[in-house]
Amino acid sequence: MIVHGVKTVDGKVKTLTLKIDTVRCNMCVWKGEEEDLVLFEDGDGFGKGCPKCETDAYLMDVRGENLDS
């Protein structure tokens, strides 16, 4: 997953690009790669989430690499 953000440094606006490698489920503490997420269906439709909880509601990115440096 690629995440773009804006970071203000000394009053200047900078684009920050991160590559997120690892995700964790804060409900069951499962940890894995984004490719390990499973497809599930809920009231909102289809999504990818934790293989144990089958939801994305508790997923959190735990490691990122700054691609701009």
Protein backbone atom coordinates (compact mmCIF):
# COMPACT_ATOMS: atom_id res chain seq x y z
CA MET A 1 0.00 0.00 0.00
CA ILE A 2 1.30 3.47 -0.84
CA VAL A 3 0.24 6.34 1.42
CA HIS A 4 0.71 9.98 0.41
CA GLY A 5 0.65 12.72 3.01
CA VAL A 6 1.70 16.31 3.53
CA LYS A 7 4.28 17.23 6.12
CA THR A 8 5.11 20.80 7.13
CA VAL A 9 8.80 21.38 7.79
CA ASP A 10 9.97 24.92 8.61
CA GLY A 11 6.78 26.33 7.10
CA LYS A 12 7.24 24.45 3.83
CA VAL A 13 4.86 21.82 2.52
CA LYS A 14 6.43 18.49 1.59
CA THR A 15 4.89 15.40 0.03
CA LEU A 16 5.62 12.23 1.95
CA THR A 17 5.30 8.82 0.30
CA LEU A 18 5.34 5.71 2.49
CA LYS A 19 5.30 2.05 1.58
CA ILE A 20 3.42 0.12 4.26
CA ASP A 21 4.67 -3.44 4.60
CA THR A 22 3.08 -4.90 7.72
CA VAL A 23 -0.41 -4.68 9.24
CA ARG A 24 -1.74 -5.74 12.64
CA CYS A 25 -5.26 -6.47 13.87
CA ASN A 26 -5.84 -4.69 17.17
CA MET A 27 -8.71 -7.06 18.01
CA CYS A 28 -6.92 -10.44 17.91
CA VAL A 29 -3.28 -9.21 17.61
CA TRP A 30 -2.74 -11.02 14.28
CA LYS A 31 0.22 -9.56 12.38
CA GLY A 32 1.07 -10.12 8.73
CA GLU A 33 1.68 -8.71 5.30
CA GLU A 34 -1.01 -6.91 3.31
CA GLU A 35 -1.02 -9.85 0.87
CA ASP A 36 -2.16 -12.11 3.75
CA LEU A 37 -5.46 -10.24 4.21
CA VAL A 38 -8.59 -12.18 3.21
CA LEU A 39 -11.60 -11.12 1.18
CA PHE A 40 -14.80 -10.79 3.25
CA GLU A 41 -18.33 -9.47 2.81
CA ASP A 42 -20.25 -7.42 5.38
CA GLY A 43 -23.10 -4.91 5.37
CA ASP A 44 -20.93 -2.40 3.48
CA GLY A 45 -20.00 -4.86 0.72
CA PHE A 46 -16.70 -6.64 0.02
CA GLY A 47 -13.38 -5.79 1.62
CA LYS A 48 -10.03 -7.23 2.67
CA GLY A 49 -9.37 -7.78 6.36
CA CYS A 50 -7.87 -9.88 9.13
CA PRO A 51 -7.93 -13.61 8.32
CA LYS A 52 -9.13 -14.41 11.88
CA CYS A 53 -11.67 -11.61 12.48
CA GLU A 54 -12.73 -11.12 8.82
CA THR A 55 -12.98 -7.35 9.23
CA ASP A 56 -10.80 -4.35 8.45
CA ALA A 57 -12.16 -2.27 11.34
CA TYR A 58 -9.22 -3.06 13.65
CA LEU A 59 -6.32 -3.09 11.16
CA MET A 60 -3.35 -0.81 11.74
CA ASP A 61 -0.18 -0.20 9.72
CA VAL A 62 2.82 -1.04 11.89
CA ARG A 63 5.85 -0.36 9.73
CA GLY A 64 6.54 2.05 6.92
CA GLU A 65 9.44 2.94 4.69
CA ASN A 66 9.84 6.52 3.51
CA LEU A 67 10.23 6.35 -0.28
CA ASP A 68 11.12 10.05 -0.59
CA SER A 69 14.46 9.87 1.24
